[in-house]
Amino acid sequence: MRTDDDNQIRRLEGDEICAARLAHANPVTVHRSQGSTVERAHALKDGGGRELAYVKMSRARQCSTVYVVADSLEQAKEDLRREWGTDRRIGWVIDSRTPVTDPLLVEVTPSVARPMRDALRHGRLVAERDAILAGMPPDPSAEIRAAELARGRLERERNDLAKGAGQFRDHPSRRGPAGAPTGREQRPPP
């Protein structure tokens, strides 16, 4: 193997190459390692904050080792403290870091971020509008108009029936038993 320290080639033999000391490994990114479990994990401190640090340091059953490039052990500790103490996740509108839990109080609490207050107020108003609309009967205008049109059609048909006009002009009910006119109708001369 070639070492990084002095770029020398070194030959490993005997106990140095036993399974307890060496194993095959595949380097993967932290994101790719999510959900994986291995016996031992080796990680390079390369940024990403505490969320990625948790992922890379929680993959192993037996032992996790982190490698830090630093001038001293104290500097390495300080670098890890600073890096792993930083929250790098994306903030959400609901992340207010406030103990206020009553939605109406959240809307007026100045310590709550403005986008969260606005989102909660908007959601509450939409819910109120939907509740009001659900409790109201539907607009009857279309049904009333349809009933008026049907009534008008029925009145015209009744008038046509009484006069023997329209669709009732040559209707059999307008004739007597022998086919003679009943007298209620007026037939034009032939």
N, C-alpha and C. Protein backbone atom coordinates (compact mmCIF):
# COMPACT_ATOMS: atom_id res chain seq x y z
N MET A 1 0.85 -1.18 0.00
CA MET A 1 0.00 0.00 0.00
C MET A 1 0.89 1.23 0.00
N ARG A 2 0.34 2.33 -0.50
CA ARG A 2 1.08 3.60 -0.50
C ARG A 2 0.49 4.46 0.61
N THR A 3 1.32 5.00 1.47
CA THR A 3 0.85 5.81 2.59
C THR A 3 0.77 7.26 2.20
N ASP A 4 -0.15 7.97 2.85
CA ASP A 4 -0.30 9.40 2.59
C ASP A 4 0.79 10.22 3.27
N ASP A 5 1.30 9.72 4.41
CA ASP A 5 2.27 10.50 5.18
C ASP A 5 3.54 10.79 4.40
N ASP A 6 4.17 9.73 3.93
CA ASP A 6 5.46 9.93 3.28
C ASP A 6 5.48 9.41 1.85
N ASN A 7 4.33 9.01 1.34
CA ASN A 7 4.20 8.52 -0.03
C ASN A 7 5.06 7.30 -0.31
N GLN A 8 5.36 6.55 0.75
CA GLN A 8 6.16 5.33 0.62
C GLN A 8 5.25 4.14 0.39
N ILE A 9 5.78 3.14 -0.27
CA ILE A 9 5.04 1.90 -0.47
C ILE A 9 5.41 0.96 0.67
N ARG A 10 4.40 0.38 1.30
CA ARG A 10 4.62 -0.51 2.43
C ARG A 10 3.91 -1.82 2.17
N ARG A 11 4.55 -2.90 2.52
CA ARG A 11 3.99 -4.24 2.30
C ARG A 11 3.42 -4.74 3.63
N LEU A 12 2.17 -5.21 3.62
CA LEU A 12 1.53 -5.75 4.81
C LEU A 12 1.60 -7.28 4.75
N GLU A 13 1.91 -7.89 5.90
CA GLU A 13 2.03 -9.35 5.95
C GLU A 13 1.50 -9.88 7.27
N GLY A 14 1.18 -11.17 7.30
CA GLY A 14 0.81 -11.85 8.54
C GLY A 14 -0.42 -11.29 9.20
N ASP A 15 -0.27 -10.94 10.50
CA ASP A 15 -1.40 -10.42 11.28
C ASP A 15 -1.90 -9.07 10.79
N GLU A 16 -1.09 -8.37 10.03
CA GLU A 16 -1.50 -7.05 9.54
C GLU A 16 -2.62 -7.14 8.50
N ILE A 17 -2.75 -8.30 7.88
CA ILE A 17 -3.78 -8.42 6.84
C ILE A 17 -4.91 -9.37 7.24
N CYS A 18 -5.04 -9.66 8.54
CA CYS A 18 -6.13 -10.53 8.98
C CYS A 18 -7.46 -9.77 8.93
N ALA A 19 -8.56 -10.50 9.01
CA ALA A 19 -9.90 -9.92 8.91
C ALA A 19 -10.20 -8.91 10.01
N ALA A 20 -9.57 -9.08 11.16
CA ALA A 20 -9.81 -8.14 12.26
C ALA A 20 -9.17 -6.78 11.99
N ARG A 21 -8.18 -6.74 11.11
CA ARG A 21 -7.47 -5.48 10.87
C ARG A 21 -7.82 -4.84 9.53
N LEU A 22 -8.13 -5.66 8.54
CA LEU A 22 -8.42 -5.12 7.21
C LEU A 22 -9.73 -5.71 6.69
N ALA A 23 -10.41 -4.95 5.93
CA ALA A 23 -11.62 -5.43 5.27
C ALA A 23 -11.82 -4.61 4.01
N HIS A 24 -12.55 -5.17 3.11
CA HIS A 24 -12.87 -4.42 1.90
C HIS A 24 -13.91 -3.36 2.25
N ALA A 25 -13.81 -2.24 1.61
CA ALA A 25 -14.76 -1.18 1.88
C ALA A 25 -15.07 -0.43 0.60
N ASN A 26 -16.23 0.16 0.57
CA ASN A 26 -16.62 1.00 -0.56
C ASN A 26 -16.96 2.37 -0.04
N PRO A 27 -16.28 3.38 -0.55
CA PRO A 27 -16.63 4.74 -0.09
C PRO A 27 -17.96 5.16 -0.70
N VAL A 28 -18.79 5.79 0.13
CA VAL A 28 -20.08 6.30 -0.34
C VAL A 28 -20.30 7.67 0.29
N THR A 29 -21.16 8.42 -0.30
CA THR A 29 -21.51 9.72 0.29
C THR A 29 -22.43 9.49 1.48
N VAL A 30 -22.56 10.50 2.32
CA VAL A 30 -23.44 10.39 3.48
C VAL A 30 -24.87 10.17 3.03
N HIS A 31 -25.29 10.86 2.01
CA HIS A 31 -26.66 10.72 1.53
C HIS A 31 -26.92 9.30 1.05
N ARG A 32 -25.95 8.73 0.36
CA ARG A 32 -26.10 7.36 -0.16
C ARG A 32 -26.12 6.34 0.98
N SER A 33 -25.46 6.65 2.09
CA SER A 33 -25.37 5.69 3.19
C SER A 33 -26.63 5.65 4.06
N GLN A 34 -27.55 6.56 3.86
CA GLN A 34 -28.77 6.56 4.68
C GLN A 34 -29.49 5.24 4.54
N GLY A 35 -29.85 4.66 5.68
CA GLY A 35 -30.55 3.38 5.70
C GLY A 35 -29.61 2.19 5.73
N SER A 36 -28.31 2.40 5.51
CA SER A 36 -27.35 1.30 5.53
C SER A 36 -26.89 1.03 6.96
N THR A 37 -26.51 -0.22 7.21
CA THR A 37 -25.91 -0.59 8.49
C THR A 37 -24.68 -1.43 8.18
N VAL A 38 -23.55 -1.06 8.79
CA VAL A 38 -22.28 -1.78 8.59
C VAL A 38 -21.69 -2.11 9.95
N GLU A 39 -20.68 -2.97 9.97
CA GLU A 39 -20.03 -3.31 11.24
C GLU A 39 -19.24 -2.12 11.77
N ARG A 40 -18.38 -1.54 10.91
CA ARG A 40 -17.55 -0.40 11.30
C ARG A 40 -17.67 0.67 10.22
N ALA A 41 -17.69 1.93 10.64
CA ALA A 41 -17.78 3.04 9.68
C ALA A 41 -16.64 4.01 9.93
N HIS A 42 -16.10 4.51 8.84
CA HIS A 42 -15.05 5.53 8.89
C HIS A 42 -15.57 6.73 8.11
N ALA A 43 -15.54 7.89 8.73
CA ALA A 43 -16.11 9.09 8.09
C ALA A 43 -15.10 10.22 8.12
N LEU A 44 -15.09 11.01 7.08
CA LEU A 44 -14.26 12.20 7.00
C LEU A 44 -15.11 13.40 7.35
N LYS A 45 -14.63 14.24 8.26
CA LYS A 45 -15.36 15.46 8.61
C LYS A 45 -15.23 16.40 7.42
N ASP A 46 -16.34 16.58 6.73
CA ASP A 46 -16.30 17.39 5.51
C ASP A 46 -17.47 18.35 5.41
N GLY A 47 -18.02 18.75 6.55
CA GLY A 47 -19.12 19.72 6.54
C GLY A 47 -20.47 19.03 6.53
N GLY A 48 -21.49 19.84 6.48
CA GLY A 48 -22.85 19.31 6.41
C GLY A 48 -23.67 19.52 7.66
N GLY A 49 -23.05 19.94 8.76
CA GLY A 49 -23.82 20.20 9.97
C GLY A 49 -24.17 18.95 10.74
N ARG A 50 -24.98 19.15 11.78
CA ARG A 50 -25.25 18.04 12.70
C ARG A 50 -26.14 16.97 12.10
N GLU A 51 -27.01 17.31 11.16
CA GLU A 51 -27.88 16.30 10.56
C GLU A 51 -27.07 15.27 9.79
N LEU A 52 -26.14 15.72 8.95
CA LEU A 52 -25.31 14.77 8.20
C LEU A 52 -24.33 14.06 9.12
N ALA A 53 -23.87 14.74 10.18
CA ALA A 53 -22.98 14.08 11.14
C ALA A 53 -23.71 12.92 11.80
N TYR A 54 -24.96 13.12 12.15
CA TYR A 54 -25.74 12.03 12.76
C TYR A 54 -25.83 10.85 11.81
N VAL A 55 -26.13 11.11 10.55
CA VAL A 55 -26.27 10.02 9.58
C VAL A 55 -24.97 9.26 9.45
N LYS A 56 -23.85 9.98 9.26
CA LYS A 56 -22.59 9.26 9.03
C LYS A 56 -22.07 8.56 10.27
N MET A 57 -22.38 9.07 11.45
CA MET A 57 -21.87 8.44 12.67
C MET A 57 -22.81 7.38 13.23
N SER A 58 -23.96 7.18 12.64
CA SER A 58 -24.91 6.19 13.17
C SER A 58 -25.10 5.01 12.22
N ARG A 59 -24.17 4.78 11.30
CA ARG A 59 -24.29 3.67 10.35
C ARG A 59 -23.72 2.37 10.90
N ALA A 60 -22.82 2.43 11.89
CA ALA A 60 -22.07 1.25 12.32
C ALA A 60 -22.69 0.56 13.53
N ARG A 61 -22.56 -0.78 13.57
CA ARG A 61 -22.99 -1.55 14.73
C ARG A 61 -21.92 -1.51 15.82
N GLN A 62 -20.65 -1.64 15.42
CA GLN A 62 -19.57 -1.76 16.41
C GLN A 62 -18.87 -0.43 16.70
N CYS A 63 -18.39 0.22 15.64
CA CYS A 63 -17.52 1.38 15.88
C CYS A 63 -17.61 2.36 14.72
N SER A 64 -17.70 3.64 15.04
CA SER A 64 -17.63 4.69 14.04
C SER A 64 -16.40 5.55 14.34
N THR A 65 -15.62 5.83 13.32
CA THR A 65 -14.42 6.64 13.47
C THR A 65 -14.53 7.83 12.54
N VAL A 66 -14.25 9.01 13.07
CA VAL A 66 -14.27 10.21 12.24
C VAL A 66 -12.84 10.71 12.08
N TYR A 67 -12.50 11.16 10.89
CA TYR A 67 -11.17 11.67 10.58
C TYR A 67 -11.29 13.17 10.35
N VAL A 68 -10.46 13.92 11.07
CA VAL A 68 -10.49 15.37 11.00
C VAL A 68 -9.10 15.86 10.65
N VAL A 69 -9.02 16.76 9.68
CA VAL A 69 -7.74 17.38 9.36
C VAL A 69 -7.60 18.61 10.24
N ALA A 70 -6.59 18.59 11.12
CA ALA A 70 -6.39 19.70 12.06
C ALA A 70 -4.93 19.72 12.49
N ASP A 71 -4.49 20.85 13.04
CA ASP A 71 -3.11 20.98 13.53
C ASP A 71 -2.91 20.32 14.88
N SER A 72 -3.98 20.19 15.67
CA SER A 72 -3.86 19.58 16.99
C SER A 72 -5.17 18.88 17.35
N LEU A 73 -5.11 18.05 18.38
CA LEU A 73 -6.31 17.36 18.85
C LEU A 73 -7.34 18.37 19.34
N GLU A 74 -6.89 19.43 20.03
CA GLU A 74 -7.81 20.46 20.53
C GLU A 74 -8.51 21.17 19.37
N GLN A 75 -7.75 21.48 18.32
CA GLN A 75 -8.37 22.11 17.16
C GLN A 75 -9.38 21.17 16.51
N ALA A 76 -9.06 19.88 16.43
CA ALA A 76 -9.99 18.90 15.85
C ALA A 76 -11.27 18.86 16.67
N LYS A 77 -11.15 18.85 18.00
CA LYS A 77 -12.34 18.83 18.86
C LYS A 77 -13.18 20.08 18.64
N GLU A 78 -12.52 21.23 18.60
CA GLU A 78 -13.23 22.49 18.40
C GLU A 78 -13.92 22.52 17.03
N ASP A 79 -13.23 22.03 15.99
CA ASP A 79 -13.83 21.98 14.66
C ASP A 79 -15.09 21.10 14.65
N LEU A 80 -15.00 19.94 15.32
CA LEU A 80 -16.16 19.05 15.38
C LEU A 80 -17.29 19.67 16.18
N ARG A 81 -16.97 20.31 17.31
CA ARG A 81 -18.00 20.97 18.13
C ARG A 81 -18.74 22.04 17.31
N ARG A 82 -17.97 22.85 16.62
CA ARG A 82 -18.57 23.93 15.82
C ARG A 82 -19.38 23.36 14.65
N GLU A 83 -18.80 22.42 13.92
CA GLU A 83 -19.45 21.85 12.74
C GLU A 83 -20.70 21.06 13.12
N TRP A 84 -20.61 20.22 14.13
CA TRP A 84 -21.72 19.36 14.49
C TRP A 84 -22.75 20.09 15.37
N GLY A 85 -22.44 21.29 15.80
CA GLY A 85 -23.39 22.08 16.58
C GLY A 85 -24.22 22.99 15.70
N THR A 86 -23.97 22.98 14.40
CA THR A 86 -24.66 23.86 13.47
C THR A 86 -25.84 23.14 12.83
N ASP A 87 -27.00 23.79 12.87
CA ASP A 87 -28.21 23.25 12.26
C ASP A 87 -28.23 23.71 10.81
N ARG A 88 -28.12 22.77 9.87
CA ARG A 88 -28.05 23.12 8.45
C ARG A 88 -29.32 22.79 7.68
N ARG A 89 -30.32 22.25 8.36
CA ARG A 89 -31.53 21.88 7.62
C ARG A 89 -32.28 23.13 7.18
N ILE A 90 -33.11 22.96 6.21
CA ILE A 90 -33.92 24.07 5.69
C ILE A 90 -35.00 24.40 6.71
N GLY A 91 -35.17 25.66 7.00
CA GLY A 91 -36.21 26.08 7.94
C GLY A 91 -37.58 26.06 7.29
N TRP A 92 -38.57 25.66 8.04
CA TRP A 92 -39.95 25.64 7.57
C TRP A 92 -40.70 26.80 8.19
N VAL A 93 -41.80 27.19 7.57
CA VAL A 93 -42.58 28.31 8.07
C VAL A 93 -43.14 28.01 9.46
N ILE A 94 -43.35 26.73 9.79
CA ILE A 94 -43.91 26.39 11.09
C ILE A 94 -42.84 26.32 12.19
N ASP A 95 -41.56 26.49 11.82
CA ASP A 95 -40.49 26.49 12.82
C ASP A 95 -40.42 27.86 13.48
N SER A 96 -41.17 28.06 14.55
CA SER A 96 -41.21 29.37 15.18
C SER A 96 -40.36 29.44 16.43
N ARG A 97 -39.96 28.29 16.96
CA ARG A 97 -39.18 28.24 18.20
C ARG A 97 -39.89 29.03 19.31
N THR A 98 -41.17 28.90 19.36
CA THR A 98 -41.95 29.62 20.36
C THR A 98 -42.87 28.64 21.08
N PRO A 99 -43.07 28.82 22.38
CA PRO A 99 -43.93 27.89 23.10
C PRO A 99 -45.42 28.16 22.90
N VAL A 100 -45.77 29.18 22.15
CA VAL A 100 -47.18 29.50 21.94
C VAL A 100 -47.81 28.38 21.12
N THR A 101 -48.89 27.81 21.64
CA THR A 101 -49.53 26.70 20.93
C THR A 101 -50.95 27.01 20.49
N ASP A 102 -51.58 28.02 21.08
CA ASP A 102 -52.93 28.39 20.68
C ASP A 102 -52.86 29.12 19.34
N PRO A 103 -53.49 28.58 18.28
CA PRO A 103 -53.37 29.19 16.95
C PRO A 103 -53.78 30.65 16.91
N LEU A 104 -54.81 31.04 17.68
CA LEU A 104 -55.22 32.45 17.66
C LEU A 104 -54.17 33.34 18.30
N LEU A 105 -53.50 32.84 19.35
CA LEU A 105 -52.42 33.62 19.97
C LEU A 105 -51.20 33.69 19.07
N VAL A 106 -50.91 32.61 18.34
CA VAL A 106 -49.76 32.62 17.43
C VAL A 106 -49.91 33.72 16.39
N GLU A 107 -51.14 33.95 15.94
CA GLU A 107 -51.37 34.96 14.91
C GLU A 107 -51.01 36.37 15.37
N VAL A 108 -51.03 36.63 16.68
CA VAL A 108 -50.77 37.99 17.17
C VAL A 108 -49.48 38.09 17.98
N THR A 109 -48.74 37.00 18.14
CA THR A 109 -47.50 37.02 18.94
C THR A 109 -46.36 37.52 18.08
N PRO A 110 -45.73 38.65 18.46
CA PRO A 110 -44.66 39.23 17.62
C PRO A 110 -43.42 38.33 17.52
N SER A 111 -43.20 37.44 18.50
CA SER A 111 -42.00 36.60 18.43
C SER A 111 -42.13 35.48 17.39
N VAL A 112 -43.34 35.27 16.92
CA VAL A 112 -43.56 34.26 15.88
C VAL A 112 -43.27 34.91 14.53
N ALA A 113 -42.56 34.19 13.68
CA ALA A 113 -42.19 34.73 12.36
C ALA A 113 -43.44 35.13 11.57
N ARG A 114 -43.35 36.24 10.89
CA ARG A 114 -44.47 36.79 10.13
C ARG A 114 -45.05 35.78 9.12
N PRO A 115 -44.20 35.04 8.38
CA PRO A 115 -44.79 34.08 7.43
C PRO A 115 -45.65 33.02 8.12
N MET A 116 -45.25 32.62 9.32
CA MET A 116 -46.04 31.62 10.03
C MET A 116 -47.37 32.21 10.49
N ARG A 117 -47.34 33.44 11.02
CA ARG A 117 -48.58 34.09 11.45
C ARG A 117 -49.54 34.24 10.28
N ASP A 118 -48.99 34.68 9.14
CA ASP A 118 -49.83 34.87 7.95
C ASP A 118 -50.40 33.54 7.46
N ALA A 119 -49.59 32.50 7.45
CA ALA A 119 -50.05 31.19 6.98
C ALA A 119 -51.15 30.64 7.89
N LEU A 120 -50.99 30.79 9.19
CA LEU A 120 -52.01 30.31 10.13
C LEU A 120 -53.31 31.10 9.99
N ARG A 121 -53.20 32.41 9.84
CA ARG A 121 -54.40 33.24 9.68
C ARG A 121 -55.13 32.88 8.38
N HIS A 122 -54.36 32.72 7.32
CA HIS A 122 -54.96 32.36 6.04
C HIS A 122 -55.68 31.02 6.15
N GLY A 123 -55.03 30.03 6.75
CA GLY A 123 -55.64 28.71 6.92
C GLY A 123 -56.91 28.77 7.76
N ARG A 124 -56.88 29.57 8.84
CA ARG A 124 -58.07 29.71 9.68
C ARG A 124 -59.21 30.36 8.91
N LEU A 125 -58.92 31.42 8.15
CA LEU A 125 -59.97 32.10 7.40
C LEU A 125 -60.56 31.21 6.30
N VAL A 126 -59.72 30.44 5.63
CA VAL A 126 -60.22 29.52 4.61
C VAL A 126 -61.13 28.47 5.26
N ALA A 127 -60.72 27.94 6.41
CA ALA A 127 -61.54 26.94 7.10
C ALA A 127 -62.88 27.54 7.54
N GLU A 128 -62.86 28.79 8.03
CA GLU A 128 -64.11 29.44 8.44
C GLU A 128 -65.04 29.64 7.24
N ARG A 129 -64.48 30.10 6.12
CA ARG A 129 -65.29 30.30 4.91
C ARG A 129 -65.91 28.99 4.46
N ASP A 130 -65.11 27.91 4.44
CA ASP A 130 -65.62 26.61 4.02
C ASP A 130 -66.72 26.12 4.96
N ALA A 131 -66.57 26.36 6.26
CA ALA A 131 -67.60 25.94 7.22
C ALA A 131 -68.89 26.72 7.00
N ILE A 132 -68.78 28.00 6.74
CA ILE A 132 -69.97 28.83 6.50
C ILE A 132 -70.67 28.38 5.23
N LEU A 133 -69.90 28.13 4.16
CA LEU A 133 -70.50 27.71 2.90
C LEU A 133 -71.16 26.33 3.03
N ALA A 134 -70.56 25.46 3.84
CA ALA A 134 -71.13 24.12 4.03
C ALA A 134 -72.46 24.19 4.78
N GLY A 135 -72.63 25.19 5.64
CA GLY A 135 -73.87 25.33 6.41
C GLY A 135 -74.98 26.05 5.67
N MET A 136 -74.65 26.69 4.58
CA MET A 136 -75.66 27.43 3.81
C MET A 136 -76.32 26.51 2.79
N PRO A 137 -77.64 26.68 2.59
CA PRO A 137 -78.28 25.90 1.54
C PRO A 137 -77.76 26.38 0.18
N PRO A 138 -77.79 25.52 -0.81
CA PRO A 138 -77.32 25.93 -2.13
C PRO A 138 -78.24 26.99 -2.73
N ASP A 139 -77.74 27.74 -3.65
CA ASP A 139 -78.51 28.79 -4.32
C ASP A 139 -79.64 28.14 -5.13
N PRO A 140 -80.89 28.47 -4.82
CA PRO A 140 -82.02 27.81 -5.51
C PRO A 140 -82.36 28.45 -6.85
N SER A 141 -81.66 29.46 -7.29
CA SER A 141 -82.02 30.20 -8.51
C SER A 141 -82.18 29.29 -9.72
N ALA A 142 -81.25 28.36 -9.92
CA ALA A 142 -81.32 27.49 -11.10
C ALA A 142 -82.55 26.58 -11.02
N GLU A 143 -82.84 26.05 -9.84
CA GLU A 143 -84.01 25.17 -9.69
C GLU A 143 -85.30 25.96 -9.90
N ILE A 144 -85.37 27.18 -9.38
CA ILE A 144 -86.57 28.02 -9.55
C ILE A 144 -86.78 28.32 -11.03
N ARG A 145 -85.73 28.67 -11.75
CA ARG A 145 -85.84 28.98 -13.19
C ARG A 145 -86.30 27.75 -13.97
N ALA A 146 -85.76 26.56 -13.62
CA ALA A 146 -86.16 25.33 -14.31
C ALA A 146 -87.64 25.04 -14.03
N ALA A 147 -88.11 25.26 -12.79
CA ALA A 147 -89.53 25.03 -12.45
C ALA A 147 -90.43 26.01 -13.20
N GLU A 148 -89.99 27.28 -13.32
CA GLU A 148 -90.78 28.27 -14.06
C GLU A 148 -90.91 27.88 -15.52
N LEU A 149 -89.83 27.43 -16.12
CA LEU A 149 -89.87 27.01 -17.53
C LEU A 149 -90.79 25.81 -17.71
N ALA A 150 -90.72 24.83 -16.79
CA ALA A 150 -91.58 23.64 -16.87
C ALA A 150 -93.05 24.03 -16.71
N ARG A 151 -93.34 24.95 -15.79
CA ARG A 151 -94.72 25.42 -15.57
C ARG A 151 -95.25 26.10 -16.83
N GLY A 152 -94.43 26.94 -17.44
CA GLY A 152 -94.84 27.62 -18.68
C GLY A 152 -95.13 26.62 -19.79
N ARG A 153 -94.28 25.58 -19.92
CA ARG A 153 -94.49 24.56 -20.94
C ARG A 153 -95.80 23.80 -20.68
N LEU A 154 -96.06 23.46 -19.41
CA LEU A 154 -97.29 22.74 -19.06
C LEU A 154 -98.53 23.60 -19.31
N GLU A 155 -98.49 24.89 -19.03
CA GLU A 155 -99.62 25.79 -19.29
C GLU A 155 -99.91 25.87 -20.78
N ARG A 156 -98.84 25.95 -21.59
CA ARG A 156 -99.04 26.00 -23.05
C ARG A 156 -99.66 24.70 -23.54
N GLU A 157 -99.21 23.56 -23.00
CA GLU A 157 -99.78 22.28 -23.40
C GLU A 157 -101.25 22.17 -22.97
N ARG A 158 -101.61 22.68 -21.79
CA ARG A 158 -103.00 22.64 -21.33
C ARG A 158 -103.89 23.50 -22.24
N ASN A 159 -103.39 24.66 -22.60
CA ASN A 159 -104.15 25.54 -23.50
C ASN A 159 -104.31 24.88 -24.87
N ASP A 160 -103.22 24.23 -25.36
CA ASP A 160 -103.32 23.55 -26.65
C ASP A 160 -104.33 22.41 -26.58
N LEU A 161 -104.33 21.69 -25.46
CA LEU A 161 -105.27 20.58 -25.28
C LEU A 161 -106.71 21.10 -25.28
N ALA A 162 -106.94 22.20 -24.58
CA ALA A 162 -108.29 22.76 -24.51
C ALA A 162 -108.76 23.24 -25.88
N LYS A 163 -107.87 23.76 -26.67
CA LYS A 163 -108.22 24.30 -27.98
C LYS A 163 -108.12 23.25 -29.09
N GLY A 164 -107.48 22.13 -28.79
CA GLY A 164 -107.24 21.14 -29.84
C GLY A 164 -106.20 21.61 -30.80
N ALA A 165 -105.25 22.34 -30.30
CA ALA A 165 -104.21 22.90 -31.16
C ALA A 165 -102.87 22.23 -30.83
N GLY A 166 -101.86 22.65 -31.59
CA GLY A 166 -100.51 22.16 -31.32
C GLY A 166 -100.43 20.65 -31.48
N GLN A 167 -99.82 19.98 -30.56
CA GLN A 167 -99.65 18.53 -30.64
C GLN A 167 -100.95 17.78 -30.44
N PHE A 168 -102.00 18.46 -29.97
CA PHE A 168 -103.28 17.82 -29.72
C PHE A 168 -104.28 18.05 -30.86
N ARG A 169 -103.86 18.61 -31.96
CA ARG A 169 -104.76 18.99 -33.06
C ARG A 169 -105.52 17.79 -33.60
N ASP A 170 -104.87 16.71 -33.93
CA ASP A 170 -105.55 15.54 -34.49
C ASP A 170 -105.52 14.37 -33.50
N HIS A 171 -105.55 14.67 -32.26
CA HIS A 171 -105.47 13.62 -31.23
C HIS A 171 -106.78 12.84 -31.21
N PRO A 172 -106.75 11.47 -31.04
CA PRO A 172 -107.97 10.66 -31.04
C PRO A 172 -108.96 11.04 -29.94
N SER A 173 -108.52 11.61 -28.88
CA SER A 173 -109.43 11.97 -27.79
C SER A 173 -110.36 13.10 -28.21
N ARG A 174 -110.10 13.74 -29.31
CA ARG A 174 -110.91 14.84 -29.78
C ARG A 174 -112.06 14.34 -30.66
N ARG A 175 -112.23 13.04 -30.92
CA ARG A 175 -113.26 12.48 -31.80
C ARG A 175 -114.23 11.62 -31.00
N GLY A 176 -115.40 11.47 -31.51
CA GLY A 176 -116.43 10.63 -30.88
C GLY A 176 -116.22 9.16 -31.20
N PRO A 177 -117.22 8.33 -30.82
CA PRO A 177 -117.08 6.89 -31.02
C PRO A 177 -116.97 6.49 -32.48
N ALA A 178 -117.67 7.13 -33.36
CA ALA A 178 -117.60 6.73 -34.77
C ALA A 178 -116.60 7.57 -35.53
N GLY A 179 -115.82 8.29 -34.82
CA GLY A 179 -114.83 9.14 -35.49
C GLY A 179 -115.39 10.50 -35.85
N ALA A 180 -116.64 10.78 -35.40
CA ALA A 180 -117.23 12.07 -35.68
C ALA A 180 -116.69 13.09 -34.70
N PRO A 181 -116.64 14.34 -35.13
CA PRO A 181 -116.15 15.36 -34.20
C PRO A 181 -117.04 15.47 -32.98
N THR A 182 -116.46 15.76 -31.84
CA THR A 182 -117.18 15.85 -30.58
C THR A 182 -117.86 17.18 -30.41
N GLY A 183 -117.58 18.10 -31.21
CA GLY A 183 -118.18 19.41 -31.08
C GLY A 183 -117.29 20.36 -30.32
N ARG A 184 -116.36 19.82 -29.66
CA ARG A 184 -115.44 20.69 -28.93
C ARG A 184 -114.31 21.17 -29.84
N GLU A 185 -114.26 20.58 -30.98
CA GLU A 185 -113.17 20.98 -31.87
C GLU A 185 -113.76 21.60 -33.12
N GLN A 186 -112.99 22.38 -33.72
CA GLN A 186 -113.40 22.99 -34.98
C GLN A 186 -112.39 22.56 -36.02
N ARG A 187 -112.94 21.82 -36.93
CA ARG A 187 -112.06 21.32 -37.99
C ARG A 187 -112.22 22.21 -39.20
N PRO A 188 -111.17 22.50 -39.86
CA PRO A 188 -111.29 23.28 -41.08
C PRO A 188 -112.00 22.48 -42.17
N PRO A 189 -112.77 23.16 -43.05
CA PRO A 189 -113.46 22.41 -44.13
C PRO A 189 -112.46 21.72 -45.01
N PRO A 190 -112.87 20.53 -45.58
CA PRO A 190 -111.92 19.79 -46.43
C PRO A 190 -111.65 20.44 -47.75
